[in-house]
PDB file of all heavy atoms in Angstrom:
ATOM      1  N   VAL A   1      21.717  98.952 -24.089  1.00  0.00           N
ATOM      2  CA  VAL A   1      20.388  99.134 -24.680  1.00  0.00           C
ATOM      3  C   VAL A   1      20.095 100.616 -24.902  1.00  0.00           C
ATOM      4  O   VAL A   1      19.561 101.015 -25.952  1.00  0.00           O
ATOM      5  CB  VAL A   1      19.317  98.486 -23.781  1.00  0.00           C
ATOM      6  CG1 VAL A   1      17.918  98.943 -24.192  1.00  0.00           C
ATOM      7  CG2 VAL A   1      19.423  96.970 -23.861  1.00  0.00           C
ATOM      8  N   LEU A   2      20.430 101.456 -23.933  1.00  0.00           N
ATOM      9  CA  LEU A   2      20.215 102.895 -24.089  1.00  0.00           C
ATOM     10  C   LEU A   2      20.977 103.421 -25.303  1.00  0.00           C
ATOM     11  O   LEU A   2      20.478 104.273 -26.047  1.00  0.00           O
ATOM     12  CB  LEU A   2      20.659 103.630 -22.823  1.00  0.00           C
ATOM     13  CG  LEU A   2      19.763 103.434 -21.589  1.00  0.00           C
ATOM     14  CD1 LEU A   2      20.458 103.961 -20.337  1.00  0.00           C
ATOM     15  CD2 LEU A   2      18.423 104.147 -21.774  1.00  0.00           C
ATOM     16  N   ASP A   3      22.188 102.906 -25.503  1.00  0.00           N
ATOM     17  CA  ASP A   3      22.988 103.332 -26.651  1.00  0.00           C
ATOM     18  C   ASP A   3      22.333 102.904 -27.963  1.00  0.00           C
ATOM     19  O   ASP A   3      22.281 103.675 -28.921  1.00  0.00           O
ATOM     20  CB  ASP A   3      24.398 102.754 -26.530  1.00  0.00           C
ATOM     21  CG  ASP A   3      25.298 103.210 -27.661  1.00  0.00           C
ATOM     22  OD1 ASP A   3      25.537 104.425 -27.770  1.00  0.00           O
ATOM     23  OD2 ASP A   3      25.768 102.360 -28.438  1.00  0.00           O
ATOM     24  N   VAL A   4      21.820 101.672 -28.000  1.00  0.00           N
ATOM     25  CA  VAL A   4      21.151 101.186 -29.212  1.00  0.00           C
ATOM     26  C   VAL A   4      19.932 102.052 -29.536  1.00  0.00           C
ATOM     27  O   VAL A   4      19.644 102.345 -30.697  1.00  0.00           O
ATOM     28  CB  VAL A   4      20.736  99.714 -29.033  1.00  0.00           C
ATOM     29  CG1 VAL A   4      19.780  99.282 -30.134  1.00  0.00           C
ATOM     30  CG2 VAL A   4      21.967  98.823 -29.030  1.00  0.00           C
ATOM     31  N   LEU A   5      19.221 102.496 -28.510  1.00  0.00           N
ATOM     32  CA  LEU A   5      18.012 103.295 -28.712  1.00  0.00           C
ATOM     33  C   LEU A   5      18.313 104.776 -28.912  1.00  0.00           C
ATOM     34  O   LEU A   5      17.405 105.583 -29.061  1.00  0.00           O
ATOM     35  CB  LEU A   5      17.072 103.127 -27.507  1.00  0.00           C
ATOM     36  CG  LEU A   5      16.489 101.727 -27.317  1.00  0.00           C
ATOM     37  CD1 LEU A   5      15.629 101.671 -26.075  1.00  0.00           C
ATOM     38  CD2 LEU A   5      15.679 101.302 -28.538  1.00  0.00           C
ATOM     39  N   GLY A   6      19.596 105.127 -28.880  1.00  0.00           N
ATOM     40  CA  GLY A   6      19.959 106.528 -29.092  1.00  0.00           C
ATOM     41  C   GLY A   6      19.667 107.418 -27.903  1.00  0.00           C
ATOM     42  O   GLY A   6      19.469 108.625 -28.065  1.00  0.00           O
ATOM     43  N   LEU A   7      19.651 106.827 -26.707  1.00  0.00           N
ATOM     44  CA  LEU A   7      19.353 107.589 -25.492  1.00  0.00           C
ATOM     45  C   LEU A   7      20.628 107.835 -24.706  1.00  0.00           C
ATOM     46  O   LEU A   7      21.648 107.171 -24.905  1.00  0.00           O
ATOM     47  CB  LEU A   7      18.347 106.819 -24.623  1.00  0.00           C
ATOM     48  CG  LEU A   7      16.965 106.587 -25.236  1.00  0.00           C
ATOM     49  CD1 LEU A   7      16.179 105.610 -24.402  1.00  0.00           C
ATOM     50  CD2 LEU A   7      16.204 107.904 -25.358  1.00  0.00           C
ATOM     51  N   ASP A   8      20.547 108.796 -23.780  1.00  0.00           N
ATOM     52  CA  ASP A   8      21.679 109.113 -22.915  1.00  0.00           C
ATOM     53  C   ASP A   8      22.017 107.896 -22.060  1.00  0.00           C
ATOM     54  O   ASP A   8      21.153 107.328 -21.387  1.00  0.00           O
ATOM     55  CB  ASP A   8      21.324 110.311 -22.035  1.00  0.00           C
ATOM     56  CG  ASP A   8      22.511 110.802 -21.215  1.00  0.00           C
ATOM     57  OD1 ASP A   8      23.528 110.095 -21.139  1.00  0.00           O
ATOM     58  OD2 ASP A   8      22.413 111.900 -20.631  1.00  0.00           O
ATOM     59  N   ALA A   9      23.278 107.493 -22.067  1.00  0.00           N
ATOM     60  CA  ALA A   9      23.686 106.302 -21.306  1.00  0.00           C
ATOM     61  C   ALA A   9      23.516 106.487 -19.811  1.00  0.00           C
ATOM     62  O   ALA A   9      23.523 105.511 -19.059  1.00  0.00           O
ATOM     63  CB  ALA A   9      25.145 105.952 -21.621  1.00  0.00           C
ATOM     64  N   ASP A  10      23.366 107.728 -19.345  1.00  0.00           N
ATOM     65  CA  ASP A  10      23.192 107.986 -17.916  1.00  0.00           C
ATOM     66  C   ASP A  10      21.727 108.011 -17.497  1.00  0.00           C
ATOM     67  O   ASP A  10      21.429 108.327 -16.344  1.00  0.00           O
ATOM     68  CB  ASP A  10      23.853 109.325 -17.541  1.00  0.00           C
ATOM     69  CG  ASP A  10      25.367 109.244 -17.611  1.00  0.00           C
ATOM     70  OD1 ASP A  10      25.906 108.161 -17.331  1.00  0.00           O
ATOM     71  OD2 ASP A  10      26.007 110.256 -17.944  1.00  0.00           O
ATOM     72  N   CYS A  11      20.811 107.708 -18.414  1.00  0.00           N
ATOM     73  CA  CYS A  11      19.397 107.601 -18.029  1.00  0.00           C
ATOM     74  C   CYS A  11      19.273 106.513 -16.957  1.00  0.00           C
ATOM     75  O   CYS A  11      19.878 105.449 -17.078  1.00  0.00           O
ATOM     76  CB  CYS A  11      18.530 107.231 -19.226  1.00  0.00           C
ATOM     77  SG  CYS A  11      18.188 108.597 -20.351  1.00  0.00           S
ATOM     78  N   PRO A  12      18.498 106.752 -15.887  1.00  0.00           N
ATOM     79  CA  PRO A  12      18.414 105.756 -14.816  1.00  0.00           C
ATOM     80  C   PRO A  12      17.714 104.474 -15.231  1.00  0.00           C
ATOM     81  O   PRO A  12      17.844 103.455 -14.558  1.00  0.00           O
ATOM     82  CB  PRO A  12      17.628 106.484 -13.716  1.00  0.00           C
ATOM     83  CG  PRO A  12      16.838 107.522 -14.445  1.00  0.00           C
ATOM     84  CD  PRO A  12      17.704 107.954 -15.596  1.00  0.00           C
ATOM     85  N   SER A  13      16.949 104.497 -16.329  1.00  0.00           N
ATOM     86  CA  SER A  13      16.239 103.301 -16.754  1.00  0.00           C
ATOM     87  C   SER A  13      15.850 103.429 -18.214  1.00  0.00           C
ATOM     88  O   SER A  13      15.799 104.531 -18.769  1.00  0.00           O
ATOM     89  CB  SER A  13      14.973 103.084 -15.904  1.00  0.00           C
ATOM     90  OG  SER A  13      14.042 104.127 -16.146  1.00  0.00           O
ATOM     91  N   VAL A  14      15.568 102.280 -18.828  1.00  0.00           N
ATOM     92  CA  VAL A  14      15.015 102.289 -20.177  1.00  0.00           C
ATOM     93  C   VAL A  14      13.524 102.603 -20.097  1.00  0.00           C
ATOM     94  O   VAL A  14      13.007 103.400 -20.869  1.00  0.00           O
ATOM     95  CB  VAL A  14      15.252 100.924 -20.860  1.00  0.00           C
ATOM     96  CG1 VAL A  14      14.611 100.900 -22.245  1.00  0.00           C
ATOM     97  CG2 VAL A  14      16.745 100.645 -20.969  1.00  0.00           C
ATOM     98  N   VAL A  15      12.842 101.997 -19.131  1.00  0.00           N
ATOM     99  CA  VAL A  15      11.422 102.274 -18.923  1.00  0.00           C
ATOM    100  C   VAL A  15      11.268 103.717 -18.455  1.00  0.00           C
ATOM    101  O   VAL A  15      11.880 104.132 -17.481  1.00  0.00           O
ATOM    102  CB  VAL A  15      10.818 101.321 -17.867  1.00  0.00           C
ATOM    103  CG1 VAL A  15       9.378 101.707 -17.558  1.00  0.00           C
ATOM    104  CG2 VAL A  15      10.894  99.889 -18.356  1.00  0.00           C
ATOM    105  N   GLY A  16      10.467 104.484 -19.179  1.00  0.00           N
ATOM    106  CA  GLY A  16      10.259 105.878 -18.817  1.00  0.00           C
ATOM    107  C   GLY A  16      11.217 106.832 -19.487  1.00  0.00           C
ATOM    108  O   GLY A  16      11.038 108.045 -19.410  1.00  0.00           O
ATOM    109  N   ALA A  17      12.269 106.330 -20.161  1.00  0.00           N
ATOM    110  CA  ALA A  17      13.209 107.228 -20.826  1.00  0.00           C
ATOM    111  C   ALA A  17      12.548 107.918 -22.017  1.00  0.00           C
ATOM    112  O   ALA A  17      12.874 109.048 -22.355  1.00  0.00           O
ATOM    113  CB  ALA A  17      14.440 106.438 -21.280  1.00  0.00           C
ATOM    114  N   TYR A  18      11.631 107.213 -22.676  1.00  0.00           N
ATOM    115  CA  TYR A  18      10.838 107.807 -23.740  1.00  0.00           C
ATOM    116  C   TYR A  18       9.544 108.352 -23.144  1.00  0.00           C
ATOM    117  O   TYR A  18       8.909 107.711 -22.316  1.00  0.00           O
ATOM    118  CB  TYR A  18      10.477 106.767 -24.798  1.00  0.00           C
ATOM    119  CG  TYR A  18      11.511 106.575 -25.878  1.00  0.00           C
ATOM    120  CD1 TYR A  18      12.548 105.676 -25.713  1.00  0.00           C
ATOM    121  CD2 TYR A  18      11.454 107.298 -27.054  1.00  0.00           C
ATOM    122  CE1 TYR A  18      13.500 105.487 -26.701  1.00  0.00           C
ATOM    123  CE2 TYR A  18      12.393 107.124 -28.048  1.00  0.00           C
ATOM    124  CZ  TYR A  18      13.419 106.212 -27.870  1.00  0.00           C
ATOM    125  OH  TYR A  18      14.351 106.042 -28.842  1.00  0.00           O
ATOM    126  N   GLY A  19       9.143 109.554 -23.563  1.00  0.00           N
ATOM    127  CA  GLY A  19       7.873 110.106 -23.120  1.00  0.00           C
ATOM    128  C   GLY A  19       6.724 109.522 -23.932  1.00  0.00           C
ATOM    129  O   GLY A  19       6.930 108.825 -24.936  1.00  0.00           O
ATOM    130  N   VAL A  20       5.489 109.831 -23.496  1.00  0.00           N
ATOM    131  CA  VAL A  20       4.307 109.317 -24.199  1.00  0.00           C
ATOM    132  C   VAL A  20       4.303 109.793 -25.646  1.00  0.00           C
ATOM    133  O   VAL A  20       3.953 109.064 -26.565  1.00  0.00           O
ATOM    134  CB  VAL A  20       3.024 109.780 -23.475  1.00  0.00           C
ATOM    135  CG1 VAL A  20       1.796 109.366 -24.264  1.00  0.00           C
ATOM    136  CG2 VAL A  20       2.981 109.186 -22.079  1.00  0.00           C
ATOM    137  N   ARG A  21       4.729 111.036 -25.865  1.00  0.00           N
ATOM    138  CA  ARG A  21       4.717 111.586 -27.223  1.00  0.00           C
ATOM    139  C   ARG A  21       5.709 110.875 -28.137  1.00  0.00           C
ATOM    140  O   ARG A  21       5.626 110.983 -29.354  1.00  0.00           O
ATOM    141  CB  ARG A  21       5.056 113.080 -27.170  1.00  0.00           C
ATOM    142  CG  ARG A  21       4.022 113.910 -26.430  1.00  0.00           C
ATOM    143  CD  ARG A  21       4.450 115.365 -26.386  1.00  0.00           C
ATOM    144  NE  ARG A  21       3.519 116.178 -25.620  1.00  0.00           N
ATOM    145  CZ  ARG A  21       3.704 117.460 -25.361  1.00  0.00           C
ATOM    146  NH1 ARG A  21       4.778 118.073 -25.802  1.00  0.00           N
ATOM    147  NH2 ARG A  21       2.814 118.135 -24.663  1.00  0.00           N
ATOM    148  N   ASP A  22       6.707 110.194 -27.565  1.00  0.00           N
ATOM    149  CA  ASP A  22       7.744 109.536 -28.353  1.00  0.00           C
ATOM    150  C   ASP A  22       7.406 108.084 -28.659  1.00  0.00           C
ATOM    151  O   ASP A  22       8.260 107.346 -29.150  1.00  0.00           O
ATOM    152  CB  ASP A  22       9.080 109.597 -27.599  1.00  0.00           C
ATOM    153  CG  ASP A  22       9.568 111.013 -27.411  1.00  0.00           C
ATOM    154  OD1 ASP A  22       9.384 111.838 -28.318  1.00  0.00           O
ATOM    155  OD2 ASP A  22      10.127 111.294 -26.344  1.00  0.00           O
ATOM    156  N   LEU A  23       6.176 107.662 -28.371  1.00  0.00           N
ATOM    157  CA  LEU A  23       5.808 106.259 -28.562  1.00  0.00           C
ATOM    158  C   LEU A  23       5.999 105.829 -30.009  1.00  0.00           C
ATOM    159  O   LEU A  23       6.568 104.777 -30.288  1.00  0.00           O
ATOM    160  CB  LEU A  23       4.366 106.033 -28.120  1.00  0.00           C
ATOM    161  CG  LEU A  23       3.836 104.605 -28.244  1.00  0.00           C
ATOM    162  CD1 LEU A  23       4.653 103.653 -27.396  1.00  0.00           C
ATOM    163  CD2 LEU A  23       2.367 104.547 -27.837  1.00  0.00           C
ATOM    164  N   SER A  24       5.544 106.627 -30.942  1.00  0.00           N
ATOM    165  CA  SER A  24       5.667 106.273 -32.356  1.00  0.00           C
ATOM    166  C   SER A  24       7.130 106.202 -32.774  1.00  0.00           C
ATOM    167  O   SER A  24       7.541 105.297 -33.507  1.00  0.00           O
ATOM    168  CB  SER A  24       4.919 107.293 -33.224  1.00  0.00           C
ATOM    169  OG  SER A  24       3.540 107.270 -32.933  1.00  0.00           O
ATOM    170  N   ALA A  25       7.936 107.179 -32.301  1.00  0.00           N
ATOM    171  CA  ALA A  25       9.354 107.195 -32.648  1.00  0.00           C
ATOM    172  C   ALA A  25      10.057 105.936 -32.134  1.00  0.00           C
ATOM    173  O   ALA A  25      10.883 105.341 -32.830  1.00  0.00           O
ATOM    174  CB  ALA A  25      10.012 108.451 -32.090  1.00  0.00           C
ATOM    175  N   LEU A  26       9.722 105.547 -30.913  1.00  0.00           N
ATOM    176  CA  LEU A  26      10.323 104.334 -30.363  1.00  0.00           C
ATOM    177  C   LEU A  26       9.899 103.112 -31.160  1.00  0.00           C
ATOM    178  O   LEU A  26      10.706 102.216 -31.438  1.00  0.00           O
ATOM    179  CB  LEU A  26       9.944 104.171 -28.893  1.00  0.00           C
ATOM    180  CG  LEU A  26      10.424 102.895 -28.218  1.00  0.00           C
ATOM    181  CD1 LEU A  26      11.943 102.798 -28.282  1.00  0.00           C
ATOM    182  CD2 LEU A  26       9.951 102.825 -26.782  1.00  0.00           C
ATOM    183  N   PHE A  27       8.614 103.032 -31.544  1.00  0.00           N
ATOM    184  CA  PHE A  27       8.142 101.895 -32.331  1.00  0.00           C
ATOM    185  C   PHE A  27       8.899 101.796 -33.653  1.00  0.00           C
ATOM    186  O   PHE A  27       9.345 100.717 -34.051  1.00  0.00           O
ATOM    187  CB  PHE A  27       6.643 102.018 -32.600  1.00  0.00           C
ATOM    188  CG  PHE A  27       6.134 101.028 -33.626  1.00  0.00           C
ATOM    189  CD1 PHE A  27       5.951  99.701 -33.300  1.00  0.00           C
ATOM    190  CD2 PHE A  27       5.880 101.421 -34.929  1.00  0.00           C
ATOM    191  CE1 PHE A  27       5.509  98.782 -34.235  1.00  0.00           C
ATOM    192  CE2 PHE A  27       5.442 100.524 -35.877  1.00  0.00           C
ATOM    193  CZ  PHE A  27       5.261  99.206 -35.526  1.00  0.00           C
ATOM    194  N   LEU A  28       9.055 102.911 -34.346  1.00  0.00           N
ATOM    195  CA  LEU A  28       9.761 102.897 -35.622  1.00  0.00           C
ATOM    196  C   LEU A  28      11.225 102.508 -35.433  1.00  0.00           C
ATOM    197  O   LEU A  28      11.815 101.822 -36.278  1.00  0.00           O
ATOM    198  CB  LEU A  28       9.657 104.277 -36.285  1.00  0.00           C
ATOM    199  CG  LEU A  28       8.240 104.688 -36.734  1.00  0.00           C
ATOM    200  CD1 LEU A  28       8.244 106.103 -37.253  1.00  0.00           C
ATOM    201  CD2 LEU A  28       7.717 103.727 -37.796  1.00  0.00           C
ATOM    202  N   ARG A  29      11.813 102.949 -34.327  1.00  0.00           N
ATOM    203  CA  ARG A  29      13.201 102.577 -34.044  1.00  0.00           C
ATOM    204  C   ARG A  29      13.317 101.067 -33.822  1.00  0.00           C
ATOM    205  O   ARG A  29      14.197 100.404 -34.372  1.00  0.00           O
ATOM    206  CB  ARG A  29      13.700 103.332 -32.809  1.00  0.00           C
ATOM    207  CG  ARG A  29      15.076 102.920 -32.302  1.00  0.00           C
ATOM    208  CD  ARG A  29      16.131 103.138 -33.342  1.00  0.00           C
ATOM    209  NE  ARG A  29      17.457 102.767 -32.855  1.00  0.00           N
ATOM    210  CZ  ARG A  29      18.472 102.418 -33.631  1.00  0.00           C
ATOM    211  NH1 ARG A  29      18.310 102.381 -34.943  1.00  0.00           N
ATOM    212  NH2 ARG A  29      19.636 102.108 -33.106  1.00  0.00           N
ATOM    213  N   LEU A  30      12.401 100.503 -33.033  1.00  0.00           N
ATOM    214  CA  LEU A  30      12.428  99.067 -32.772  1.00  0.00           C
ATOM    215  C   LEU A  30      12.147  98.269 -34.045  1.00  0.00           C
ATOM    216  O   LEU A  30      12.685  97.172 -34.219  1.00  0.00           O
ATOM    217  CB  LEU A  30      11.399  98.707 -31.695  1.00  0.00           C
ATOM    218  CG  LEU A  30      11.678  99.243 -30.285  1.00  0.00           C
ATOM    219  CD1 LEU A  30      10.509  98.942 -29.375  1.00  0.00           C
ATOM    220  CD2 LEU A  30      12.960  98.655 -29.724  1.00  0.00           C
ATOM    221  N   ALA A  31      11.321  98.805 -34.933  1.00  0.00           N
ATOM    222  CA  ALA A  31      10.994  98.104 -36.171  1.00  0.00           C
ATOM    223  C   ALA A  31      12.219  97.937 -37.062  1.00  0.00           C
ATOM    224  O   ALA A  31      12.274  97.022 -37.892  1.00  0.00           O
ATOM    225  CB  ALA A  31       9.901  98.857 -36.925  1.00  0.00           C
ATOM    226  N   GLU A  32      13.210  98.808 -36.897  1.00  0.00           N
ATOM    227  CA  GLU A  32      14.428  98.734 -37.710  1.00  0.00           C
ATOM    228  C   GLU A  32      15.448  97.723 -37.166  1.00  0.00           C
ATOM    229  O   GLU A  32      16.401  97.370 -37.856  1.00  0.00           O
ATOM    230  CB  GLU A  32      15.102 100.108 -37.768  1.00  0.00           C
ATOM    231  CG  GLU A  32      14.246 101.181 -38.427  1.00  0.00           C
ATOM    232  CD  GLU A  32      14.865 102.558 -38.274  1.00  0.00           C
ATOM    233  OE1 GLU A  32      15.871 102.672 -37.536  1.00  0.00           O
ATOM    234  OE2 GLU A  32      14.349 103.501 -38.886  1.00  0.00           O
ATOM    235  N   LEU A  33      15.249  97.297 -35.926  1.00  0.00           N
ATOM    236  CA  LEU A  33      16.259  96.462 -35.265  1.00  0.00           C
ATOM    237  C   LEU A  33      15.989  94.977 -35.505  1.00  0.00           C
ATOM    238  O   LEU A  33      14.830  94.548 -35.573  1.00  0.00           O
ATOM    239  CB  LEU A  33      16.264  96.737 -33.755  1.00  0.00           C
ATOM    240  CG  LEU A  33      16.583  98.179 -33.352  1.00  0.00           C
ATOM    241  CD1 LEU A  33      16.436  98.346 -31.848  1.00  0.00           C
ATOM    242  CD2 LEU A  33      17.993  98.564 -33.783  1.00  0.00           C
ATOM    243  N   PRO A  34      17.030  94.165 -35.593  1.00  0.00           N
ATOM    244  CA  PRO A  34      16.831  92.716 -35.754  1.00  0.00           C
ATOM    245  C   PRO A  34      16.231  92.101 -34.511  1.00  0.00           C
ATOM    246  O   PRO A  34      16.299  92.672 -33.412  1.00  0.00           O
ATOM    247  CB  PRO A  34      18.260  92.201 -36.008  1.00  0.00           C
ATOM    248  CG  PRO A  34      19.160  93.240 -35.434  1.00  0.00           C
ATOM    249  CD  PRO A  34      18.452  94.555 -35.622  1.00  0.00           C
ATOM    250  N   ASP A  35      15.664  90.907 -34.673  1.00  0.00           N
ATOM    251  CA  ASP A  35      14.966  90.241 -33.571  1.00  0.00           C
ATOM    252  C   ASP A  35      15.868  90.061 -32.351  1.00  0.00           C
ATOM    253  O   ASP A  35      15.437  90.240 -31.215  1.00  0.00           O
ATOM    254  CB  ASP A  35      14.436  88.876 -34.033  1.00  0.00           C
ATOM    255  CG  ASP A  35      13.301  89.018 -35.036  1.00  0.00           C
ATOM    256  OD1 ASP A  35      12.773  90.139 -35.170  1.00  0.00           O
ATOM    257  OD2 ASP A  35      12.960  88.018 -35.683  1.00  0.00           O
ATOM    258  N   GLY A  36      17.118  89.688 -32.596  1.00  0.00           N
ATOM    259  CA  GLY A  36      18.012  89.440 -31.468  1.00  0.00           C
ATOM    260  C   GLY A  36      18.216  90.677 -30.617  1.00  0.00           C
ATOM    261  O   GLY A  36      18.234  90.598 -29.382  1.00  0.00           O
ATOM    262  N   VAL A  37      18.365  91.849 -31.240  1.00  0.00           N
ATOM    263  CA  VAL A  37      18.550  93.100 -30.489  1.00  0.00           C
ATOM    264  C   VAL A  37      17.268  93.461 -29.734  1.00  0.00           C
ATOM    265  O   VAL A  37      17.307  93.896 -28.583  1.00  0.00           O
ATOM    266  CB  VAL A  37      18.961  94.236 -31.443  1.00  0.00           C
ATOM    267  CG1 VAL A  37      19.044  95.565 -30.689  1.00  0.00           C
ATOM    268  CG2 VAL A  37      20.293  93.915 -32.099  1.00  0.00           C
ATOM    269  N   VAL A  38      16.115  93.260 -30.392  1.00  0.00           N
ATOM    270  CA  VAL A  38      14.843  93.557 -29.726  1.00  0.00           C
ATOM    271  C   VAL A  38      14.666  92.675 -28.493  1.00  0.00           C
ATOM    272  O   VAL A  38      14.202  93.135 -27.440  1.00  0.00           O
ATOM    273  CB  VAL A  38      13.672  93.378 -30.703  1.00  0.00           C
ATOM    274  CG1 VAL A  38      12.338  93.488 -29.970  1.00  0.00           C
ATOM    275  CG2 VAL A  38      13.747  94.415 -31.813  1.00  0.00           C
ATOM    276  N   LEU A  39      15.043  91.412 -28.600  1.00  0.00           N
ATOM    277  CA  LEU A  39      14.927  90.513 -27.453  1.00  0.00           C
ATOM    278  C   LEU A  39      15.869  90.934 -26.332  1.00  0.00           C
ATOM    279  O   LEU A  39      15.534  90.815 -25.146  1.00  0.00           O
ATOM    280  CB  LEU A  39      15.219  89.072 -27.882  1.00  0.00           C
ATOM    281  CG  LEU A  39      14.131  88.403 -28.733  1.00  0.00           C
ATOM    282  CD1 LEU A  39      14.604  87.039 -29.210  1.00  0.00           C
ATOM    283  CD2 LEU A  39      12.827  88.284 -27.957  1.00  0.00           C
ATOM    284  N   ASP A  40      17.057  91.439 -26.673  1.00  0.00           N
ATOM    285  CA  ASP A  40      17.964  91.946 -25.646  1.00  0.00           C
ATOM    286  C   ASP A  40      17.343  93.135 -24.918  1.00  0.00           C
ATOM    287  O   ASP A  40      17.451  93.263 -23.697  1.00  0.00           O
ATOM    288  CB  ASP A  40      19.297  92.366 -26.280  1.00  0.00           C
ATOM    289  CG  ASP A  40      20.132  91.168 -26.703  1.00  0.00           C
ATOM    290  OD1 ASP A  40      19.841  90.061 -26.210  1.00  0.00           O
ATOM    291  OD2 ASP A  40      21.046  91.347 -27.518  1.00  0.00           O
ATOM    292  N   ILE A  41      16.700  94.023 -25.667  1.00  0.00           N
ATOM    293  CA  ILE A  41      16.022  95.174 -25.060  1.00  0.00           C
ATOM    294  C   ILE A  41      14.881  94.700 -24.172  1.00  0.00           C
ATOM    295  O   ILE A  41      14.675  95.191 -23.061  1.00  0.00           O
ATOM    296  CB  ILE A  41      15.510  96.128 -26.159  1.00  0.00           C
ATOM    297  CG1 ILE A  41      16.681  96.720 -26.941  1.00  0.00           C
ATOM    298  CG2 ILE A  41      14.645  97.241 -25.558  1.00  0.00           C
ATOM    299  CD1 ILE A  41      16.283  97.509 -28.162  1.00  0.00           C
TER     300      ILE A  41
END
């Protein structure tokens, strides 16, 4: 999941890996992904 989101694979978690300022960027990234990938995340 971290790889799909373009994050460092060594991040300890997906939750908290994005900062508050990155909320919009994360939303736009998720909007590009198919439903199956979003459900996996």
